[in-house]
Amino acid sequence: MRFDAEDISAYGTAARAHFFVALEQPGPWGRDAATQSHLPVAVGSSLSEACAARGGRLTLLRRPGRHADEHHPGGHAAYLAWAGVDPWLLEVRLDDPATLLEVDLDALARGDRAAVTASLPGLAPAAPVLLVCTNGRRDVCCAVRGRPVALDAAALVPGRVWEASHTGGHRFAPTGVLLPHGATFARLAAPLCAEILAAAETGTLPAGVSGPRHDRGRSTLEPGAQAAEAHVRHVVDERSLTALTTALLSTDAIGAAGLAGADGDGGDGGDHLHHGEHVDFLVTHRDGRAWRVGCMQSSRGPLSESCGKAPVPVAVWHVLHCELVSV
């Protein structure tokens, strides 16, 4: 059974995070890569728990290659990304991954770049990078579909594409996350990855990722807000990654239970609607324009969540209306 139907929307499925800690760790990854890899368990567990407690995510990285256990000289690359207002990305090379425990994660969680830089010597500004999920232990589709895309994309944009341990939304594999912005994508192909990274140099997105096929949303927003903002971005052809802000206006809870999609892994769309949640958001452009966007979460299915998995009801966000308003 095909799980990645063309009409399934990816809106509102980005895994939540206000910041990211991404650490290079070659070798095999288990389902919980932080504690099931060559990374010392105590280090992986401490970093993962500390990031999650502050609203962030720890991700393990590998350089795209033919074999997961390829090792490279120069220690471990690490990235610290703030995805909130005025996103920024820092990088450093470490001989010992435990050195990351010295990072001031409280400062990272509030976007205090100066304090983060002061907490770990060697941190320097970095160009945007794209993390493509390839963790087959987490979901086999991510390995089958993600690894070839990551390898081909890395050949197009050397040093800017990484294999990643988990991005959520495996039904949309190959999936990816752009750092520092936390912009999250579905159904990637290598040329599209290269376009994303080229546009990110100027703080923009390419036209090719706009719309419900590829745009899962920004990680800093809750799912409904992701859907509302992505819809406005698409209909007004807004390319800037920082031009739009989104806030909750009102909620009409009708009740949505039993839907797959926790941890940003859900999200599909279709014609068979069930009870959901009607939410209004205000999406504001920095030029002063604003839109009131009504969204509803519902279910469709059952559909297979991924390769070889049993069909289940899956969550989807639908845009009900989008109106230009005065503020």
C-alpha atoms as a PDB file:
ATOM      1  CA  MET A   1       0.000   0.000   0.000  1.00  0.00           C
ATOM      2  CA  ARG A   2       1.409   3.380  -0.968  1.00  0.00           C
ATOM      3  CA  PHE A   3       1.560   5.699   2.025  1.00  0.00           C
ATOM      4  CA  ASP A   4       2.854   8.888   0.375  1.00  0.00           C
ATOM      5  CA  ALA A   5      -0.181   9.747  -1.764  1.00  0.00           C
ATOM      6  CA  GLU A   6       0.155  12.858  -3.882  1.00  0.00           C
ATOM      7  CA  ASP A   7      -2.821  14.574  -2.240  1.00  0.00           C
ATOM      8  CA  ILE A   8      -1.558  14.255   1.343  1.00  0.00           C
ATOM      9  CA  SER A   9      -0.682  17.699   2.710  1.00  0.00           C
ATOM     10  CA  ALA A  10       2.489  18.163   4.730  1.00  0.00           C
ATOM     11  CA  TYR A  11       1.296  21.390   6.383  1.00  0.00           C
ATOM     12  CA  GLY A  12       1.569  21.513  10.165  1.00  0.00           C
ATOM     13  CA  THR A  13       3.865  18.503  10.621  1.00  0.00           C
ATOM     14  CA  ALA A  14       7.219  20.054  11.597  1.00  0.00           C
ATOM     15  CA  ALA A  15       8.619  18.660  14.845  1.00  0.00           C
ATOM     16  CA  ARG A  16       8.650  21.417  17.479  1.00  0.00           C
ATOM     17  CA  ALA A  17      11.947  23.047  18.486  1.00  0.00           C
ATOM     18  CA  HIS A  18      13.106  26.560  19.242  1.00  0.00           C
ATOM     19  CA  PHE A  19      16.753  25.567  19.009  1.00  0.00           C
ATOM     20  CA  PHE A  20      18.884  22.671  17.752  1.00  0.00           C
ATOM     21  CA  VAL A  21      22.067  20.981  18.897  1.00  0.00           C
ATOM     22  CA  ALA A  22      23.424  18.864  16.048  1.00  0.00           C
ATOM     23  CA  LEU A  23      26.460  16.646  16.620  1.00  0.00           C
ATOM     24  CA  GLU A  24      28.436  14.567  14.146  1.00  0.00           C
ATOM     25  CA  GLN A  25      28.547  10.927  15.246  1.00  0.00           C
ATOM     26  CA  PRO A  26      29.518   8.351  12.602  1.00  0.00           C
ATOM     27  CA  GLY A  27      28.457   4.760  12.825  1.00  0.00           C
ATOM     28  CA  PRO A  28      25.107   3.003  13.196  1.00  0.00           C
ATOM     29  CA  TRP A  29      22.190   4.652  14.999  1.00  0.00           C
ATOM     30  CA  GLY A  30      19.439   2.865  16.889  1.00  0.00           C
ATOM     31  CA  ARG A  31      15.879   4.112  17.150  1.00  0.00           C
ATOM     32  CA  ASP A  32      17.020   6.457  19.943  1.00  0.00           C
ATOM     33  CA  ALA A  33      20.235   7.577  18.306  1.00  0.00           C
ATOM     34  CA  ALA A  34      21.368   9.662  21.287  1.00  0.00           C
ATOM     35  CA  THR A  35      21.714   6.538  23.444  1.00  0.00           C
ATOM     36  CA  GLN A  36      22.029   3.854  20.740  1.00  0.00           C
ATOM     37  CA  SER A  37      25.126   4.831  18.789  1.00  0.00           C
ATOM     38  CA  HIS A  38      28.880   5.122  19.272  1.00  0.00           C
ATOM     39  CA  LEU A  39      28.233   8.293  21.271  1.00  0.00           C
ATOM     40  CA  PRO A  40      28.743   7.579  24.979  1.00  0.00           C
ATOM     41  CA  VAL A  41      25.329   6.872  26.493  1.00  0.00           C
ATOM     42  CA  ALA A  42      25.803   9.313  29.371  1.00  0.00           C
ATOM     43  CA  VAL A  43      26.690  12.127  26.974  1.00  0.00           C
ATOM     44  CA  GLY A  44      23.833  11.400  24.573  1.00  0.00           C
ATOM     45  CA  SER A  45      21.270  11.029  27.337  1.00  0.00           C
ATOM     46  CA  SER A  46      22.350  14.206  29.124  1.00  0.00           C
ATOM     47  CA  LEU A  47      22.342  16.297  25.949  1.00  0.00           C
ATOM     48  CA  SER A  48      19.017  14.943  24.723  1.00  0.00           C
ATOM     49  CA  GLU A  49      17.250  15.466  28.039  1.00  0.00           C
ATOM     50  CA  ALA A  50      18.727  18.932  28.542  1.00  0.00           C
ATOM     51  CA  CYS A  51      17.686  20.079  25.072  1.00  0.00           C
ATOM     52  CA  ALA A  52      14.171  18.661  25.370  1.00  0.00           C
ATOM     53  CA  ALA A  53      13.647  20.262  28.782  1.00  0.00           C
ATOM     54  CA  ARG A  54      14.360  23.673  27.250  1.00  0.00           C
ATOM     55  CA  GLY A  55      12.283  23.309  24.088  1.00  0.00           C
ATOM     56  CA  GLY A  56      15.066  22.176  21.777  1.00  0.00           C
ATOM     57  CA  ARG A  57      16.192  19.072  19.914  1.00  0.00           C
ATOM     58  CA  LEU A  58      19.385  17.054  19.824  1.00  0.00           C
ATOM     59  CA  THR A  59      20.157  15.554  16.420  1.00  0.00           C
ATOM     60  CA  LEU A  60      23.039  13.272  15.467  1.00  0.00           C
ATOM     61  CA  LEU A  61      24.732  13.810  12.107  1.00  0.00           C
ATOM     62  CA  ARG A  62      26.736  11.777   9.617  1.00  0.00           C
ATOM     63  CA  ARG A  63      28.475  12.897   6.460  1.00  0.00           C
ATOM     64  CA  PRO A  64      26.630  11.417   3.488  1.00  0.00           C
ATOM     65  CA  GLY A  65      28.511   8.389   2.185  1.00  0.00           C
ATOM     66  CA  ARG A  66      28.220   4.838   1.023  1.00  0.00           C
ATOM     67  CA  HIS A  67      28.754   3.460   4.522  1.00  0.00           C
ATOM     68  CA  ALA A  68      27.365   4.811   7.812  1.00  0.00           C
ATOM     69  CA  ASP A  69      30.559   3.923   9.685  1.00  0.00           C
ATOM     70  CA  GLU A  70      32.907   6.057   7.607  1.00  0.00           C
ATOM     71  CA  HIS A  71      35.190   8.111   9.860  1.00  0.00           C
ATOM     72  CA  HIS A  72      36.871  11.376   8.942  1.00  0.00           C
ATOM     73  CA  PRO A  73      39.813  13.249  10.489  1.00  0.00           C
ATOM     74  CA  GLY A  74      39.274  16.416  12.475  1.00  0.00           C
ATOM     75  CA  GLY A  75      36.999  15.275  15.257  1.00  0.00           C
ATOM     76  CA  HIS A  76      33.261  15.866  15.492  1.00  0.00           C
ATOM     77  CA  ALA A  77      31.466  18.756  13.795  1.00  0.00           C
ATOM     78  CA  ALA A  78      28.762  20.361  15.926  1.00  0.00           C
ATOM     79  CA  TYR A  79      26.145  23.015  15.209  1.00  0.00           C
ATOM     80  CA  LEU A  80      24.146  25.212  17.585  1.00  0.00           C
ATOM     81  CA  ALA A  81      21.099  26.800  15.966  1.00  0.00           C
ATOM     82  CA  TRP A  82      18.624  29.359  17.271  1.00  0.00           C
ATOM     83  CA  ALA A  83      15.412  29.164  15.212  1.00  0.00           C
ATOM     84  CA  GLY A  84      13.480  32.007  16.856  1.00  0.00           C
ATOM     85  CA  VAL A  85      13.461  35.690  15.985  1.00  0.00           C
ATOM     86  CA  ASP A  86      16.627  36.599  14.019  1.00  0.00           C
ATOM     87  CA  PRO A  87      17.869  32.987  13.557  1.00  0.00           C
ATOM     88  CA  TRP A  88      21.563  32.233  13.783  1.00  0.00           C
ATOM     89  CA  LEU A  89      23.876  29.242  13.422  1.00  0.00           C
ATOM     90  CA  LEU A  90      27.230  28.523  15.045  1.00  0.00           C
ATOM     91  CA  GLU A  91      29.627  25.660  14.370  1.00  0.00           C
ATOM     92  CA  VAL A  92      32.612  24.124  16.105  1.00  0.00           C
ATOM     93  CA  ARG A  93      34.840  21.055  15.820  1.00  0.00           C
ATOM     94  CA  LEU A  94      35.307  18.929  18.914  1.00  0.00           C
ATOM     95  CA  ASP A  95      37.774  16.188  19.806  1.00  0.00           C
ATOM     96  CA  ASP A  96      35.442  14.977  22.554  1.00  0.00           C
ATOM     97  CA  PRO A  97      31.623  15.158  22.142  1.00  0.00           C
ATOM     98  CA  ALA A  98      31.314  15.558  25.921  1.00  0.00           C
ATOM     99  CA  THR A  99      32.599  19.113  25.421  1.00  0.00           C
ATOM    100  CA  LEU A 100      29.093  20.018  24.246  1.00  0.00           C
ATOM    101  CA  LEU A 101      27.913  19.608  27.838  1.00  0.00           C
ATOM    102  CA  GLU A 102      29.695  22.905  28.532  1.00  0.00           C
ATOM    103  CA  VAL A 103      27.353  24.855  26.241  1.00  0.00           C
ATOM    104  CA  ASP A 104      25.054  27.300  28.025  1.00  0.00           C
ATOM    105  CA  LEU A 105      21.780  25.725  26.894  1.00  0.00           C
ATOM    106  CA  ASP A 106      19.726  28.218  28.866  1.00  0.00           C
ATOM    107  CA  ALA A 107      21.288  30.976  26.743  1.00  0.00           C
ATOM    108  CA  LEU A 108      20.674  28.958  23.588  1.00  0.00           C
ATOM    109  CA  ALA A 109      17.036  28.470  24.589  1.00  0.00           C
ATOM    110  CA  ARG A 110      16.529  32.244  24.819  1.00  0.00           C
ATOM    111  CA  GLY A 111      18.560  33.033  21.690  1.00  0.00           C
ATOM    112  CA  ASP A 112      21.435  34.783  23.504  1.00  0.00           C
ATOM    113  CA  ARG A 113      24.161  34.343  20.918  1.00  0.00           C
ATOM    114  CA  ALA A 114      26.855  36.194  22.858  1.00  0.00           C
ATOM    115  CA  ALA A 115      26.383  34.049  25.975  1.00  0.00           C
ATOM    116  CA  VAL A 116      26.387  30.829  23.941  1.00  0.00           C
ATOM    117  CA  THR A 117      29.578  31.851  22.155  1.00  0.00           C
ATOM    118  CA  ALA A 118      31.236  32.685  25.457  1.00  0.00           C
ATOM    119  CA  SER A 119      30.354  29.280  26.910  1.00  0.00           C
ATOM    120  CA  LEU A 120      32.282  27.211  24.351  1.00  0.00           C
ATOM    121  CA  PRO A 121      35.600  28.342  22.807  1.00  0.00           C
ATOM    122  CA  GLY A 122      35.919  27.895  19.067  1.00  0.00           C
ATOM    123  CA  LEU A 123      32.306  28.580  18.080  1.00  0.00           C
ATOM    124  CA  ALA A 124      32.061  30.502  14.810  1.00  0.00           C
ATOM    125  CA  PRO A 125      29.253  31.633  12.467  1.00  0.00           C
ATOM    126  CA  ALA A 126      28.189  29.015   9.915  1.00  0.00           C
ATOM    127  CA  ALA A 127      26.348  29.030   6.609  1.00  0.00           C
ATOM    128  CA  PRO A 128      22.921  27.326   6.607  1.00  0.00           C
ATOM    129  CA  VAL A 129      22.948  23.522   6.519  1.00  0.00           C
ATOM    130  CA  LEU A 130      20.306  20.980   5.566  1.00  0.00           C
ATOM    131  CA  LEU A 131      19.724  17.869   7.690  1.00  0.00           C
ATOM    132  CA  VAL A 132      18.160  14.942   5.801  1.00  0.00           C
ATOM    133  CA  CYS A 133      16.702  12.133   7.902  1.00  0.00           C
ATOM    134  CA  THR A 134      18.355   8.766   7.149  1.00  0.00           C
ATOM    135  CA  ASN A 135      17.788   6.782  10.351  1.00  0.00           C
ATOM    136  CA  GLY A 136      16.588   3.394   9.153  1.00  0.00           C
ATOM    137  CA  ARG A 137      16.192   2.106  12.700  1.00  0.00           C
ATOM    138  CA  ARG A 138      13.726   4.899  13.366  1.00  0.00           C
ATOM    139  CA  ASP A 139      11.940   4.284  10.080  1.00  0.00           C
ATOM    140  CA  VAL A 140      13.120   2.223   7.132  1.00  0.00           C
ATOM    141  CA  CYS A 141      11.769   4.730   4.583  1.00  0.00           C
ATOM    142  CA  CYS A 142      14.166   7.358   5.886  1.00  0.00           C
ATOM    143  CA  ALA A 143      17.100   5.130   5.013  1.00  0.00           C
ATOM    144  CA  VAL A 144      15.733   3.814   1.721  1.00  0.00           C
ATOM    145  CA  ARG A 145      14.657   7.210   0.457  1.00  0.00           C
ATOM    146  CA  GLY A 146      16.735   9.626   2.507  1.00  0.00           C
ATOM    147  CA  ARG A 147      20.269   8.297   2.102  1.00  0.00           C
ATOM    148  CA  PRO A 148      20.381   8.492  -1.718  1.00  0.00           C
ATOM    149  CA  VAL A 149      18.989  12.030  -1.642  1.00  0.00           C
ATOM    150  CA  ALA A 150      21.490  13.120   1.018  1.00  0.00           C
ATOM    151  CA  LEU A 151      24.380  11.587  -0.937  1.00  0.00           C
ATOM    152  CA  ASP A 152      23.404  13.211  -4.230  1.00  0.00           C
ATOM    153  CA  ALA A 153      22.635  16.559  -2.578  1.00  0.00           C
ATOM    154  CA  ALA A 154      26.002  16.550  -0.801  1.00  0.00           C
ATOM    155  CA  ALA A 155      27.695  16.162  -4.168  1.00  0.00           C
ATOM    156  CA  LEU A 156      25.850  19.278  -5.383  1.00  0.00           C
ATOM    157  CA  VAL A 157      26.511  21.333  -2.229  1.00  0.00           C
ATOM    158  CA  PRO A 158      29.599  19.878  -0.491  1.00  0.00           C
ATOM    159  CA  GLY A 159      29.782  20.329   3.273  1.00  0.00           C
ATOM    160  CA  ARG A 160      26.260  21.726   3.602  1.00  0.00           C
ATOM    161  CA  VAL A 161      24.156  18.548   3.633  1.00  0.00           C
ATOM    162  CA  TRP A 162      24.152  16.050   6.501  1.00  0.00           C
ATOM    163  CA  GLU A 163      22.462  12.772   7.247  1.00  0.00           C
ATOM    164  CA  ALA A 164      20.361  13.249  10.398  1.00  0.00           C
ATOM    165  CA  SER A 165      19.048  10.866  13.021  1.00  0.00           C
ATOM    166  CA  HIS A 166      15.433  12.081  13.138  1.00  0.00           C
ATOM    167  CA  THR A 167      13.325  14.904  11.750  1.00  0.00           C
ATOM    168  CA  GLY A 168       9.839  13.449  12.262  1.00  0.00           C
ATOM    169  CA  GLY A 169       7.244  13.022   9.552  1.00  0.00           C
ATOM    170  CA  HIS A 170       8.668   9.833   8.111  1.00  0.00           C
ATOM    171  CA  ARG A 171       5.561   9.289   5.952  1.00  0.00           C
ATOM    172  CA  PHE A 172       6.900  12.209   3.902  1.00  0.00           C
ATOM    173  CA  ALA A 173      10.420  10.785   3.429  1.00  0.00           C
ATOM    174  CA  PRO A 174      12.826  12.055   2.318  1.00  0.00           C
ATOM    175  CA  THR A 175      12.436  14.785   4.942  1.00  0.00           C
ATOM    176  CA  GLY A 176      14.794  17.546   5.985  1.00  0.00           C
ATOM    177  CA  VAL A 177      15.323  20.513   8.327  1.00  0.00           C
ATOM    178  CA  LEU A 178      17.086  23.721   7.359  1.00  0.00           C
ATOM    179  CA  LEU A 179      19.270  25.181  10.115  1.00  0.00           C
ATOM    180  CA  PRO A 180      19.171  27.691  11.640  1.00  0.00           C
ATOM    181  CA  HIS A 181      15.574  28.516  10.665  1.00  0.00           C
ATOM    182  CA  GLY A 182      13.949  25.213  11.584  1.00  0.00           C
ATOM    183  CA  ALA A 183      12.138  25.227   8.222  1.00  0.00           C
ATOM    184  CA  THR A 184      11.075  21.627   7.653  1.00  0.00           C
ATOM    185  CA  PHE A 185      10.467  19.908   4.333  1.00  0.00           C
ATOM    186  CA  ALA A 186       8.778  16.839   2.855  1.00  0.00           C
ATOM    187  CA  ARG A 187       9.421  14.722  -0.265  1.00  0.00           C
ATOM    188  CA  LEU A 188      12.890  16.094  -0.960  1.00  0.00           C
ATOM    189  CA  ALA A 189      15.000  15.450  -4.026  1.00  0.00           C
ATOM    190  CA  ALA A 190      18.676  16.325  -4.453  1.00  0.00           C
ATOM    191  CA  PRO A 191      18.177  19.291  -6.826  1.00  0.00           C
ATOM    192  CA  LEU A 192      15.565  20.737  -4.459  1.00  0.00           C
ATOM    193  CA  CYS A 193      18.011  20.423  -1.546  1.00  0.00           C
ATOM    194  CA  ALA A 194      20.561  22.422  -3.527  1.00  0.00           C
ATOM    195  CA  GLU A 195      17.941  25.085  -4.310  1.00  0.00           C
ATOM    196  CA  ILE A 196      16.994  25.336  -0.632  1.00  0.00           C
ATOM    197  CA  LEU A 197      20.598  25.901   0.430  1.00  0.00           C
ATOM    198  CA  ALA A 198      21.278  28.421  -2.344  1.00  0.00           C
ATOM    199  CA  ALA A 199      18.223  30.465  -1.382  1.00  0.00           C
ATOM    200  CA  ALA A 200      19.004  30.204   2.346  1.00  0.00           C
ATOM    201  CA  GLU A 201      22.207  32.178   1.740  1.00  0.00           C
ATOM    202  CA  THR A 202      19.984  35.242   1.368  1.00  0.00           C
ATOM    203  CA  GLY A 203      17.449  34.222   4.017  1.00  0.00           C
ATOM    204  CA  THR A 204      14.862  33.024   1.517  1.00  0.00           C
ATOM    205  CA  LEU A 205      13.231  29.842   0.256  1.00  0.00           C
ATOM    206  CA  PRO A 206      12.965  28.750  -3.378  1.00  0.00           C
ATOM    207  CA  ALA A 207       9.564  28.762  -5.047  1.00  0.00           C
ATOM    208  CA  GLY A 208       9.807  25.006  -5.479  1.00  0.00           C
ATOM    209  CA  VAL A 209       9.209  24.252  -1.774  1.00  0.00           C
ATOM    210  CA  SER A 210       6.151  26.482  -1.399  1.00  0.00           C
ATOM    211  CA  GLY A 211       2.842  24.730  -0.881  1.00  0.00           C
ATOM    212  CA  PRO A 212       1.495  21.610   0.834  1.00  0.00           C
ATOM    213  CA  ARG A 213       3.629  19.094  -1.051  1.00  0.00           C
ATOM    214  CA  HIS A 214       6.963  20.165   0.460  1.00  0.00           C
ATOM    215  CA  ASP A 215       6.402  22.791   3.180  1.00  0.00           C
ATOM    216  CA  ARG A 216       5.838  21.172   6.600  1.00  0.00           C
ATOM    217  CA  GLY A 217       6.237  24.461   8.484  1.00  0.00           C
ATOM    218  CA  ARG A 218       8.660  26.168  10.851  1.00  0.00           C
ATOM    219  CA  SER A 219       9.681  24.291  13.977  1.00  0.00           C
ATOM    220  CA  THR A 220       9.101  27.211  16.356  1.00  0.00           C
ATOM    221  CA  LEU A 221       5.339  27.216  15.717  1.00  0.00           C
ATOM    222  CA  GLU A 222       2.678  24.838  16.987  1.00  0.00           C
ATOM    223  CA  PRO A 223       1.151  22.664  14.220  1.00  0.00           C
ATOM    224  CA  GLY A 224      -1.916  24.773  13.391  1.00  0.00           C
ATOM    225  CA  ALA A 225       0.191  27.921  13.194  1.00  0.00           C
ATOM    226  CA  GLN A 226       2.639  26.103  10.924  1.00  0.00           C
ATOM    227  CA  ALA A 227      -0.220  25.305   8.559  1.00  0.00           C
ATOM    228  CA  ALA A 228      -1.608  28.860   8.613  1.00  0.00           C
ATOM    229  CA  GLU A 229       1.759  30.465   7.964  1.00  0.00           C
ATOM    230  CA  ALA A 230       2.723  27.991   5.245  1.00  0.00           C
ATOM    231  CA  HIS A 231      -0.579  28.641   3.486  1.00  0.00           C
ATOM    232  CA  VAL A 232      -0.078  32.422   3.505  1.00  0.00           C
ATOM    233  CA  ARG A 233       3.526  31.996   2.334  1.00  0.00           C
ATOM    234  CA  HIS A 234       2.253  29.977  -0.607  1.00  0.00           C
ATOM    235  CA  VAL A 235      -0.679  32.150  -1.682  1.00  0.00           C
ATOM    236  CA  VAL A 236       1.256  35.450  -1.547  1.00  0.00           C
ATOM    237  CA  ASP A 237       4.506  33.912  -2.855  1.00  0.00           C
ATOM    238  CA  GLU A 238       6.530  35.116   0.124  1.00  0.00           C
ATOM    239  CA  ARG A 239      10.116  33.832  -0.125  1.00  0.00           C
ATOM    240  CA  SER A 240      11.665  35.444   2.965  1.00  0.00           C
ATOM    241  CA  LEU A 241      12.182  33.068   5.884  1.00  0.00           C
ATOM    242  CA  THR A 242      11.648  35.854   8.414  1.00  0.00           C
ATOM    243  CA  ALA A 243       8.941  38.069   6.865  1.00  0.00           C
ATOM    244  CA  LEU A 244       5.968  36.346   8.519  1.00  0.00           C
ATOM    245  CA  THR A 245       4.943  35.977  12.161  1.00  0.00           C
ATOM    246  CA  THR A 246       1.963  33.957  13.348  1.00  0.00           C
ATOM    247  CA  ALA A 247      -0.130  34.161  16.514  1.00  0.00           C
ATOM    248  CA  LEU A 248      -3.201  32.372  17.855  1.00  0.00           C
ATOM    249  CA  LEU A 249      -6.490  34.279  17.715  1.00  0.00           C
ATOM    250  CA  SER A 250      -9.155  31.801  18.841  1.00  0.00           C
ATOM    251  CA  THR A 251      -9.883  28.107  19.226  1.00  0.00           C
ATOM    252  CA  ASP A 252     -13.097  26.180  18.740  1.00  0.00           C
ATOM    253  CA  ALA A 253     -12.269  22.747  20.112  1.00  0.00           C
ATOM    254  CA  ILE A 254     -14.463  20.080  18.601  1.00  0.00           C
ATOM    255  CA  GLY A 255     -12.273  17.260  19.874  1.00  0.00           C
ATOM    256  CA  ALA A 256      -9.491  15.405  18.075  1.00  0.00           C
ATOM    257  CA  ALA A 257      -8.434  12.128  19.612  1.00  0.00           C
ATOM    258  CA  GLY A 258      -6.718   8.981  18.501  1.00  0.00           C
ATOM    259  CA  LEU A 259      -4.806  10.559  15.606  1.00  0.00           C
ATOM    260  CA  ALA A 260      -1.263   9.587  14.715  1.00  0.00           C
ATOM    261  CA  GLY A 261       1.225  12.398  14.582  1.00  0.00           C
ATOM    262  CA  ALA A 262       2.952  12.982  17.920  1.00  0.00           C
ATOM    263  CA  ASP A 263       6.447  14.476  17.799  1.00  0.00           C
ATOM    264  CA  GLY A 264       5.784  16.051  14.441  1.00  0.00           C
ATOM    265  CA  ASP A 265       5.352  12.665  12.737  1.00  0.00           C
ATOM    266  CA  GLY A 266       1.743  13.163  11.643  1.00  0.00           C
ATOM    267  CA  GLY A 267       0.049  15.191   9.016  1.00  0.00           C
ATOM    268  CA  ASP A 268      -1.829  14.194   5.944  1.00  0.00           C
ATOM    269  CA  GLY A 269      -4.786  15.603   4.085  1.00  0.00           C
ATOM    270  CA  GLY A 270      -7.822  14.303   2.316  1.00  0.00           C
ATOM    271  CA  ASP A 271     -11.539  14.437   1.715  1.00  0.00           C
ATOM    272  CA  HIS A 272     -12.732  12.242   4.592  1.00  0.00           C
ATOM    273  CA  LEU A 273     -13.079  14.630   7.514  1.00  0.00           C
ATOM    274  CA  HIS A 274     -13.642  13.654  11.126  1.00  0.00           C
ATOM    275  CA  HIS A 275     -13.986  15.767  14.226  1.00  0.00           C
ATOM    276  CA  GLY A 276     -11.123  18.155  14.750  1.00  0.00           C
ATOM    277  CA  GLU A 277     -10.186  21.556  16.072  1.00  0.00           C
ATOM    278  CA  HIS A 278     -11.057  24.861  14.398  1.00  0.00           C
ATOM    279  CA  VAL A 279      -8.422  27.483  15.147  1.00  0.00           C
ATOM    280  CA  ASP A 280      -7.990  31.045  13.883  1.00  0.00           C
ATOM    281  CA  PHE A 281      -4.516  32.521  13.505  1.00  0.00           C
ATOM    282  CA  LEU A 282      -3.243  35.982  12.628  1.00  0.00           C
ATOM    283  CA  VAL A 283      -0.375  35.858  10.143  1.00  0.00           C
ATOM    284  CA  THR A 284       1.397  39.213   9.938  1.00  0.00           C
ATOM    285  CA  HIS A 285       3.879  40.388   7.317  1.00  0.00           C
ATOM    286  CA  ARG A 286       6.657  42.764   8.302  1.00  0.00           C
ATOM    287  CA  ASP A 287       5.302  45.218   5.709  1.00  0.00           C
ATOM    288  CA  GLY A 288       2.114  45.583   7.785  1.00  0.00           C
ATOM    289  CA  ARG A 289      -0.242  43.263   5.911  1.00  0.00           C
ATOM    290  CA  ALA A 290      -2.086  40.658   7.956  1.00  0.00           C
ATOM    291  CA  TRP A 291      -4.315  37.676   7.291  1.00  0.00           C
ATOM    292  CA  ARG A 292      -6.839  35.887   9.449  1.00  0.00           C
ATOM    293  CA  VAL A 293      -6.445  32.188   8.695  1.00  0.00           C
ATOM    294  CA  GLY A 294      -8.841  29.520   9.903  1.00  0.00           C
ATOM    295  CA  CYS A 295      -7.540  25.963  10.170  1.00  0.00           C
ATOM    296  CA  MET A 296      -9.033  22.679  11.265  1.00  0.00           C
ATOM    297  CA  GLN A 297      -7.339  19.491  12.352  1.00  0.00           C
ATOM    298  CA  SER A 298      -9.035  16.306  11.238  1.00  0.00           C
ATOM    299  CA  SER A 299      -8.180  12.751  10.321  1.00  0.00           C
ATOM    300  CA  ARG A 300      -7.929  10.702   7.208  1.00  0.00           C
ATOM    301  CA  GLY A 301      -7.366   7.061   6.808  1.00  0.00           C
ATOM    302  CA  PRO A 302      -6.510   4.613   7.840  1.00  0.00           C
ATOM    303  CA  LEU A 303      -3.242   5.093   5.975  1.00  0.00           C
ATOM    304  CA  SER A 304       0.127   3.417   6.410  1.00  0.00           C
ATOM    305  CA  GLU A 305       2.348   5.694   8.471  1.00  0.00           C
ATOM    306  CA  SER A 306       5.407   4.351   6.691  1.00  0.00           C
ATOM    307  CA  CYS A 307       7.001   1.397   4.935  1.00  0.00           C
ATOM    308  CA  GLY A 308       5.525  -1.866   6.163  1.00  0.00           C
ATOM    309  CA  LYS A 309       3.519  -0.334   9.018  1.00  0.00           C
ATOM    310  CA  ALA A 310      -0.139  -1.054   9.646  1.00  0.00           C
ATOM    311  CA  PRO A 311      -2.633   1.592   8.493  1.00  0.00           C
ATOM    312  CA  VAL A 312      -3.899   4.000  11.172  1.00  0.00           C
ATOM    313  CA  PRO A 313      -5.893   7.263  11.224  1.00  0.00           C
ATOM    314  CA  VAL A 314      -3.503  10.148  10.644  1.00  0.00           C
ATOM    315  CA  ALA A 315      -3.762  13.845  11.498  1.00  0.00           C
ATOM    316  CA  VAL A 316      -4.116  16.592   8.920  1.00  0.00           C
ATOM    317  CA  TRP A 317      -4.489  20.370   9.045  1.00  0.00           C
ATOM    318  CA  HIS A 318      -6.895  21.961   6.559  1.00  0.00           C
ATOM    319  CA  VAL A 319      -7.037  25.690   5.808  1.00  0.00           C
ATOM    320  CA  LEU A 320     -10.694  26.739   5.908  1.00  0.00           C
ATOM    321  CA  HIS A 321     -10.364  30.423   5.069  1.00  0.00           C
ATOM    322  CA  CYS A 322      -7.699  33.098   4.570  1.00  0.00           C
ATOM    323  CA  GLU A 323      -8.747  36.758   4.678  1.00  0.00           C
ATOM    324  CA  LEU A 324      -6.708  39.952   4.459  1.00  0.00           C
ATOM    325  CA  VAL A 325      -7.541  42.054   7.531  1.00  0.00           C
ATOM    326  CA  SER A 326      -6.682  45.433   9.040  1.00  0.00           C
ATOM    327  CA  VAL A 327      -4.594  45.511  12.223  1.00  0.00           C
END
